[in-house]
């Protein structure tokens, strides 16, 4: 959503608390991270330092709950060919520095990285350094889950289908035989595996959330 007024944010936070959401998230200029965006939205894909300072100004008096800010830095939902989406994590750095300069170090935001699928290791590390504590990788996890299932079906084509009067092989078309393959492939996606724990540069939280 565009930067809203204080009362709108308060209503959002109150609703999130009522629903027992652990961390309400406010996404500035969320239309740029919607599914189907072509990735060529120009400057609309980038939250400005002024946006982040304005969000802080409007939420400065909100003490009932913590919240996460999903500033956009070129990220979009879905998956795109290399070069079509241009991430600029430095946008987060510039925004955080502006907020800290204007309101103090404690005003720095905890950030959400929407549309993180397909991002490079360097982009992820940089975004984490600038305050990202949650990263959404739905498209990557969908593919990671689906790929071994497709492999199973293709490898066992004659067994998972009843072809020309044959009865197939129940062990192969039993969903329990292949759904676990997807789960096993997805498990590493829900960790923070990009650096050994001893070498991680991110130290602002005890854990890193993915969704």
C-alpha atoms as a PDB file:
ATOM      1  CA  UNK A   1       0.000   0.000   0.000  1.00  0.00           C
ATOM      2  CA  UNK A   2       1.139   3.593  -0.425  1.00  0.00           C
ATOM      3  CA  UNK A   3       2.264   5.369   2.727  1.00  0.00           C
ATOM      4  CA  UNK A   4      -0.948   5.678   4.711  1.00  0.00           C
ATOM      5  CA  UNK A   5      -2.145   7.832   7.560  1.00  0.00           C
ATOM      6  CA  UNK A   6      -1.494   6.987  11.188  1.00  0.00           C
ATOM      7  CA  UNK A   7      -5.056   5.837  11.889  1.00  0.00           C
ATOM      8  CA  UNK A   8      -4.978   3.406   8.954  1.00  0.00           C
ATOM      9  CA  UNK A   9      -1.795   1.815  10.277  1.00  0.00           C
ATOM     10  CA  UNK A  10      -3.273   1.615  13.764  1.00  0.00           C
ATOM     11  CA  UNK A  11      -6.337  -0.187  12.432  1.00  0.00           C
ATOM     12  CA  UNK A  12      -4.079  -2.621  10.575  1.00  0.00           C
ATOM     13  CA  UNK A  13      -1.981  -3.306  13.660  1.00  0.00           C
ATOM     14  CA  UNK A  14      -5.058  -3.683  15.895  1.00  0.00           C
ATOM     15  CA  UNK A  15      -6.572  -6.160  13.434  1.00  0.00           C
ATOM     16  CA  UNK A  16      -3.318  -8.127  13.308  1.00  0.00           C
ATOM     17  CA  UNK A  17      -3.140  -8.261  17.108  1.00  0.00           C
ATOM     18  CA  UNK A  18      -6.760  -9.379  17.276  1.00  0.00           C
ATOM     19  CA  UNK A  19      -5.925 -12.229  14.884  1.00  0.00           C
ATOM     20  CA  UNK A  20      -2.834 -13.004  16.983  1.00  0.00           C
ATOM     21  CA  UNK A  21      -0.340 -12.379  14.181  1.00  0.00           C
ATOM     22  CA  UNK A  22       3.126 -12.468  15.719  1.00  0.00           C
ATOM     23  CA  UNK A  23       4.540  -9.631  13.615  1.00  0.00           C
ATOM     24  CA  UNK A  24       2.188  -7.376  11.668  1.00  0.00           C
ATOM     25  CA  UNK A  25       3.821  -6.323   8.400  1.00  0.00           C
ATOM     26  CA  UNK A  26       3.331  -3.040   6.568  1.00  0.00           C
ATOM     27  CA  UNK A  27       4.280  -3.188   2.913  1.00  0.00           C
ATOM     28  CA  UNK A  28       4.991   0.199   1.361  1.00  0.00           C
ATOM     29  CA  UNK A  29       4.077   0.353  -2.357  1.00  0.00           C
ATOM     30  CA  UNK A  30       2.880  -3.250  -2.314  1.00  0.00           C
ATOM     31  CA  UNK A  31       1.405  -3.023  -5.807  1.00  0.00           C
ATOM     32  CA  UNK A  32       4.920  -3.275  -7.174  1.00  0.00           C
ATOM     33  CA  UNK A  33       5.385  -6.693  -5.596  1.00  0.00           C
ATOM     34  CA  UNK A  34       2.141  -8.221  -6.849  1.00  0.00           C
ATOM     35  CA  UNK A  35       2.044 -11.344  -8.962  1.00  0.00           C
ATOM     36  CA  UNK A  36       2.289 -10.693 -12.656  1.00  0.00           C
ATOM     37  CA  UNK A  37       4.290  -7.473 -12.488  1.00  0.00           C
ATOM     38  CA  UNK A  38       6.522  -7.311 -15.540  1.00  0.00           C
ATOM     39  CA  UNK A  39       9.526  -6.179 -13.544  1.00  0.00           C
ATOM     40  CA  UNK A  40       9.903  -2.945 -15.505  1.00  0.00           C
ATOM     41  CA  UNK A  41       8.068  -0.661 -13.094  1.00  0.00           C
ATOM     42  CA  UNK A  42      10.940   1.818 -12.995  1.00  0.00           C
ATOM     43  CA  UNK A  43      11.315   3.897  -9.864  1.00  0.00           C
ATOM     44  CA  UNK A  44       7.946   2.661  -8.608  1.00  0.00           C
ATOM     45  CA  UNK A  45       9.738  -0.540  -7.639  1.00  0.00           C
ATOM     46  CA  UNK A  46      11.858   1.300  -5.100  1.00  0.00           C
ATOM     47  CA  UNK A  47      10.877   2.666  -1.694  1.00  0.00           C
ATOM     48  CA  UNK A  48      12.582   5.980  -0.985  1.00  0.00           C
ATOM     49  CA  UNK A  49      14.278   7.112   2.235  1.00  0.00           C
ATOM     50  CA  UNK A  50      11.487   9.680   2.479  1.00  0.00           C
ATOM     51  CA  UNK A  51       8.923   6.854   2.410  1.00  0.00           C
ATOM     52  CA  UNK A  52      10.636   5.071   5.274  1.00  0.00           C
ATOM     53  CA  UNK A  53      10.965   8.235   7.348  1.00  0.00           C
ATOM     54  CA  UNK A  54       7.302   9.021   6.764  1.00  0.00           C
ATOM     55  CA  UNK A  55       6.264   5.540   7.913  1.00  0.00           C
ATOM     56  CA  UNK A  56       8.276   6.050  11.095  1.00  0.00           C
ATOM     57  CA  UNK A  57       6.771   9.487  11.675  1.00  0.00           C
ATOM     58  CA  UNK A  58       3.267   8.119  11.360  1.00  0.00           C
ATOM     59  CA  UNK A  59       3.923   5.086  13.558  1.00  0.00           C
ATOM     60  CA  UNK A  60       6.203   6.704  16.109  1.00  0.00           C
ATOM     61  CA  UNK A  61       3.463   6.748  18.724  1.00  0.00           C
ATOM     62  CA  UNK A  62       2.445   3.133  18.194  1.00  0.00           C
ATOM     63  CA  UNK A  63       3.669   1.174  21.200  1.00  0.00           C
ATOM     64  CA  UNK A  64       1.132  -1.660  21.383  1.00  0.00           C
ATOM     65  CA  UNK A  65       3.037  -3.939  19.020  1.00  0.00           C
ATOM     66  CA  UNK A  66       6.154  -4.362  16.965  1.00  0.00           C
ATOM     67  CA  UNK A  67       5.813  -4.434  13.211  1.00  0.00           C
ATOM     68  CA  UNK A  68       7.861  -5.316  10.148  1.00  0.00           C
ATOM     69  CA  UNK A  69       8.294  -3.003   7.175  1.00  0.00           C
ATOM     70  CA  UNK A  70       8.416  -4.459   3.663  1.00  0.00           C
ATOM     71  CA  UNK A  71      10.279  -1.750   1.803  1.00  0.00           C
ATOM     72  CA  UNK A  72      10.624  -2.491  -1.898  1.00  0.00           C
ATOM     73  CA  UNK A  73      14.011  -2.403  -3.603  1.00  0.00           C
ATOM     74  CA  UNK A  74      13.147  -3.824  -7.015  1.00  0.00           C
ATOM     75  CA  UNK A  75      11.751  -7.107  -5.705  1.00  0.00           C
ATOM     76  CA  UNK A  76       8.643  -8.627  -7.298  1.00  0.00           C
ATOM     77  CA  UNK A  77       6.681 -11.808  -6.699  1.00  0.00           C
ATOM     78  CA  UNK A  78       7.167 -14.762  -9.005  1.00  0.00           C
ATOM     79  CA  UNK A  79      10.137 -15.808 -11.097  1.00  0.00           C
ATOM     80  CA  UNK A  80      11.717 -13.921 -13.970  1.00  0.00           C
ATOM     81  CA  UNK A  81      14.495 -14.376 -16.501  1.00  0.00           C
ATOM     82  CA  UNK A  82      17.933 -13.125 -15.448  1.00  0.00           C
ATOM     83  CA  UNK A  83      18.246  -9.377 -15.843  1.00  0.00           C
ATOM     84  CA  UNK A  84      14.520  -8.662 -15.917  1.00  0.00           C
ATOM     85  CA  UNK A  85      14.374  -7.808 -12.216  1.00  0.00           C
ATOM     86  CA  UNK A  86      17.081  -5.505 -10.866  1.00  0.00           C
ATOM     87  CA  UNK A  87      17.445  -5.580  -7.103  1.00  0.00           C
ATOM     88  CA  UNK A  88      19.021  -2.630  -5.330  1.00  0.00           C
ATOM     89  CA  UNK A  89      19.509  -3.658  -1.673  1.00  0.00           C
ATOM     90  CA  UNK A  90      21.347  -0.382  -1.154  1.00  0.00           C
ATOM     91  CA  UNK A  91      17.858   1.198  -1.088  1.00  0.00           C
ATOM     92  CA  UNK A  92      17.409  -0.437   2.325  1.00  0.00           C
ATOM     93  CA  UNK A  93      20.741   0.881   3.566  1.00  0.00           C
ATOM     94  CA  UNK A  94      19.942   4.421   2.450  1.00  0.00           C
ATOM     95  CA  UNK A  95      16.511   4.293   4.053  1.00  0.00           C
ATOM     96  CA  UNK A  96      17.781   2.902   7.349  1.00  0.00           C
ATOM     97  CA  UNK A  97      20.526   5.514   7.511  1.00  0.00           C
ATOM     98  CA  UNK A  98      18.025   8.302   6.875  1.00  0.00           C
ATOM     99  CA  UNK A  99      15.692   6.991   9.586  1.00  0.00           C
ATOM    100  CA  UNK A 100      18.552   6.600  12.073  1.00  0.00           C
ATOM    101  CA  UNK A 101      19.875  10.084  11.340  1.00  0.00           C
ATOM    102  CA  UNK A 102      16.447  11.655  11.792  1.00  0.00           C
ATOM    103  CA  UNK A 103      15.097   9.644  14.727  1.00  0.00           C
ATOM    104  CA  UNK A 104      17.968   7.747  16.341  1.00  0.00           C
ATOM    105  CA  UNK A 105      19.425   4.244  16.136  1.00  0.00           C
ATOM    106  CA  UNK A 106      16.479   2.589  17.872  1.00  0.00           C
ATOM    107  CA  UNK A 107      14.213   3.774  15.050  1.00  0.00           C
ATOM    108  CA  UNK A 108      15.774   1.389  12.515  1.00  0.00           C
ATOM    109  CA  UNK A 109      13.218  -0.952  10.964  1.00  0.00           C
ATOM    110  CA  UNK A 110      13.054  -4.724  10.999  1.00  0.00           C
ATOM    111  CA  UNK A 111      12.506  -5.416   7.291  1.00  0.00           C
ATOM    112  CA  UNK A 112      10.752  -8.033   5.177  1.00  0.00           C
ATOM    113  CA  UNK A 113      12.152  -9.183   1.821  1.00  0.00           C
ATOM    114  CA  UNK A 114       9.116  -9.907  -0.357  1.00  0.00           C
ATOM    115  CA  UNK A 115       9.628 -11.695  -3.678  1.00  0.00           C
ATOM    116  CA  UNK A 116      12.960 -13.192  -2.658  1.00  0.00           C
ATOM    117  CA  UNK A 117      12.844 -16.211  -4.973  1.00  0.00           C
ATOM    118  CA  UNK A 118      15.659 -16.312  -7.505  1.00  0.00           C
ATOM    119  CA  UNK A 119      17.801 -13.780  -5.653  1.00  0.00           C
ATOM    120  CA  UNK A 120      21.557 -14.232  -5.663  1.00  0.00           C
ATOM    121  CA  UNK A 121      23.506 -15.098  -2.538  1.00  0.00           C
ATOM    122  CA  UNK A 122      25.171 -11.701  -2.592  1.00  0.00           C
ATOM    123  CA  UNK A 123      21.821  -9.887  -2.797  1.00  0.00           C
ATOM    124  CA  UNK A 124      20.430 -11.901   0.101  1.00  0.00           C
ATOM    125  CA  UNK A 125      23.460 -11.280   2.293  1.00  0.00           C
ATOM    126  CA  UNK A 126      23.405  -7.573   1.527  1.00  0.00           C
ATOM    127  CA  UNK A 127      19.688  -7.277   2.304  1.00  0.00           C
ATOM    128  CA  UNK A 128      20.202  -9.111   5.604  1.00  0.00           C
ATOM    129  CA  UNK A 129      23.015  -6.740   6.513  1.00  0.00           C
ATOM    130  CA  UNK A 130      20.633  -3.815   6.065  1.00  0.00           C
ATOM    131  CA  UNK A 131      17.972  -5.142   8.414  1.00  0.00           C
ATOM    132  CA  UNK A 132      15.984  -7.906   6.677  1.00  0.00           C
ATOM    133  CA  UNK A 133      14.745 -10.446   9.246  1.00  0.00           C
ATOM    134  CA  UNK A 134      12.160 -12.263   7.108  1.00  0.00           C
ATOM    135  CA  UNK A 135      12.370 -13.364   3.485  1.00  0.00           C
ATOM    136  CA  UNK A 136       9.563 -14.738   1.306  1.00  0.00           C
ATOM    137  CA  UNK A 137      10.628 -17.459  -1.136  1.00  0.00           C
ATOM    138  CA  UNK A 138       7.305 -19.037  -2.079  1.00  0.00           C
ATOM    139  CA  UNK A 139       8.149 -19.550  -5.764  1.00  0.00           C
ATOM    140  CA  UNK A 140      11.462 -21.249  -4.971  1.00  0.00           C
ATOM    141  CA  UNK A 141       9.829 -23.571  -2.451  1.00  0.00           C
ATOM    142  CA  UNK A 142       7.032 -24.429  -4.881  1.00  0.00           C
ATOM    143  CA  UNK A 143       9.552 -25.506  -7.506  1.00  0.00           C
ATOM    144  CA  UNK A 144      11.723 -27.342  -4.972  1.00  0.00           C
ATOM    145  CA  UNK A 145       8.668 -29.324  -3.852  1.00  0.00           C
ATOM    146  CA  UNK A 146       7.341 -30.014  -7.336  1.00  0.00           C
ATOM    147  CA  UNK A 147      10.584 -31.039  -9.074  1.00  0.00           C
ATOM    148  CA  UNK A 148      11.111 -34.421  -7.342  1.00  0.00           C
ATOM    149  CA  UNK A 149       7.422 -35.238  -7.750  1.00  0.00           C
ATOM    150  CA  UNK A 150       7.689 -34.687 -11.503  1.00  0.00           C
ATOM    151  CA  UNK A 151      10.844 -36.805 -11.576  1.00  0.00           C
ATOM    152  CA  UNK A 152       9.023 -39.609  -9.778  1.00  0.00           C
ATOM    153  CA  UNK A 153       6.113 -39.497 -12.212  1.00  0.00           C
ATOM    154  CA  UNK A 154       8.322 -39.482 -15.282  1.00  0.00           C
ATOM    155  CA  UNK A 155      10.560 -42.247 -13.993  1.00  0.00           C
ATOM    156  CA  UNK A 156       7.582 -44.416 -13.014  1.00  0.00           C
ATOM    157  CA  UNK A 157       5.191 -43.482 -15.808  1.00  0.00           C
ATOM    158  CA  UNK A 158       4.035 -47.068 -16.447  1.00  0.00           C
ATOM    159  CA  UNK A 159       3.532 -47.644 -12.741  1.00  0.00           C
ATOM    160  CA  UNK A 160       1.573 -44.564 -11.723  1.00  0.00           C
ATOM    161  CA  UNK A 161      -0.923 -44.939 -14.614  1.00  0.00           C
ATOM    162  CA  UNK A 162      -3.126 -47.865 -15.554  1.00  0.00           C
ATOM    163  CA  UNK A 163      -2.151 -48.254 -19.202  1.00  0.00           C
ATOM    164  CA  UNK A 164      -3.665 -50.711 -21.706  1.00  0.00           C
ATOM    165  CA  UNK A 165      -5.371 -52.817 -19.081  1.00  0.00           C
ATOM    166  CA  UNK A 166      -2.482 -52.939 -16.645  1.00  0.00           C
ATOM    167  CA  UNK A 167      -3.148 -52.156 -12.993  1.00  0.00           C
ATOM    168  CA  UNK A 168      -0.085 -50.048 -12.308  1.00  0.00           C
ATOM    169  CA  UNK A 169       1.985 -50.271  -9.154  1.00  0.00           C
ATOM    170  CA  UNK A 170       0.244 -49.126  -6.001  1.00  0.00           C
ATOM    171  CA  UNK A 171       3.545 -48.473  -4.247  1.00  0.00           C
ATOM    172  CA  UNK A 172       4.425 -45.962  -6.955  1.00  0.00           C
ATOM    173  CA  UNK A 173       1.119 -44.107  -7.225  1.00  0.00           C
ATOM    174  CA  UNK A 174       0.453 -44.050  -3.490  1.00  0.00           C
ATOM    175  CA  UNK A 175       0.851 -40.313  -2.662  1.00  0.00           C
ATOM    176  CA  UNK A 176       2.827 -41.252   0.422  1.00  0.00           C
ATOM    177  CA  UNK A 177       5.571 -42.610  -1.829  1.00  0.00           C
ATOM    178  CA  UNK A 178       6.256 -39.295  -3.553  1.00  0.00           C
ATOM    179  CA  UNK A 179       4.861 -36.474  -1.409  1.00  0.00           C
ATOM    180  CA  UNK A 180       7.626 -37.077   1.105  1.00  0.00           C
ATOM    181  CA  UNK A 181      10.135 -36.408  -1.677  1.00  0.00           C
ATOM    182  CA  UNK A 182       8.769 -32.892  -2.013  1.00  0.00           C
ATOM    183  CA  UNK A 183       8.893 -32.339   1.730  1.00  0.00           C
ATOM    184  CA  UNK A 184      12.501 -33.516   1.896  1.00  0.00           C
ATOM    185  CA  UNK A 185      13.471 -31.203  -0.959  1.00  0.00           C
ATOM    186  CA  UNK A 186      11.738 -28.263   0.688  1.00  0.00           C
ATOM    187  CA  UNK A 187      13.234 -28.606   4.156  1.00  0.00           C
ATOM    188  CA  UNK A 188      16.592 -26.965   3.313  1.00  0.00           C
ATOM    189  CA  UNK A 189      14.707 -24.012   1.794  1.00  0.00           C
ATOM    190  CA  UNK A 190      13.252 -23.127   5.195  1.00  0.00           C
ATOM    191  CA  UNK A 191      16.606 -22.629   6.874  1.00  0.00           C
ATOM    192  CA  UNK A 192      19.294 -19.989   6.556  1.00  0.00           C
ATOM    193  CA  UNK A 193      21.954 -22.108   4.819  1.00  0.00           C
ATOM    194  CA  UNK A 194      23.846 -19.435   2.920  1.00  0.00           C
ATOM    195  CA  UNK A 195      26.649 -19.123   5.471  1.00  0.00           C
ATOM    196  CA  UNK A 196      28.036 -21.300   8.273  1.00  0.00           C
ATOM    197  CA  UNK A 197      26.743 -20.022  11.604  1.00  0.00           C
ATOM    198  CA  UNK A 198      30.219 -18.910  12.661  1.00  0.00           C
ATOM    199  CA  UNK A 199      30.574 -16.764   9.526  1.00  0.00           C
ATOM    200  CA  UNK A 200      27.140 -15.159   9.335  1.00  0.00           C
ATOM    201  CA  UNK A 201      27.340 -11.406   9.170  1.00  0.00           C
ATOM    202  CA  UNK A 202      23.721 -11.060  10.292  1.00  0.00           C
ATOM    203  CA  UNK A 203      23.538 -10.783  14.087  1.00  0.00           C
ATOM    204  CA  UNK A 204      20.449  -8.631  14.746  1.00  0.00           C
ATOM    205  CA  UNK A 205      18.158 -11.529  15.679  1.00  0.00           C
ATOM    206  CA  UNK A 206      18.483 -15.065  17.027  1.00  0.00           C
ATOM    207  CA  UNK A 207      16.818 -16.530  13.943  1.00  0.00           C
ATOM    208  CA  UNK A 208      15.999 -15.728  10.361  1.00  0.00           C
ATOM    209  CA  UNK A 209      12.446 -16.257   9.147  1.00  0.00           C
ATOM    210  CA  UNK A 210      11.492 -17.537   5.715  1.00  0.00           C
ATOM    211  CA  UNK A 211       8.038 -17.903   4.222  1.00  0.00           C
END
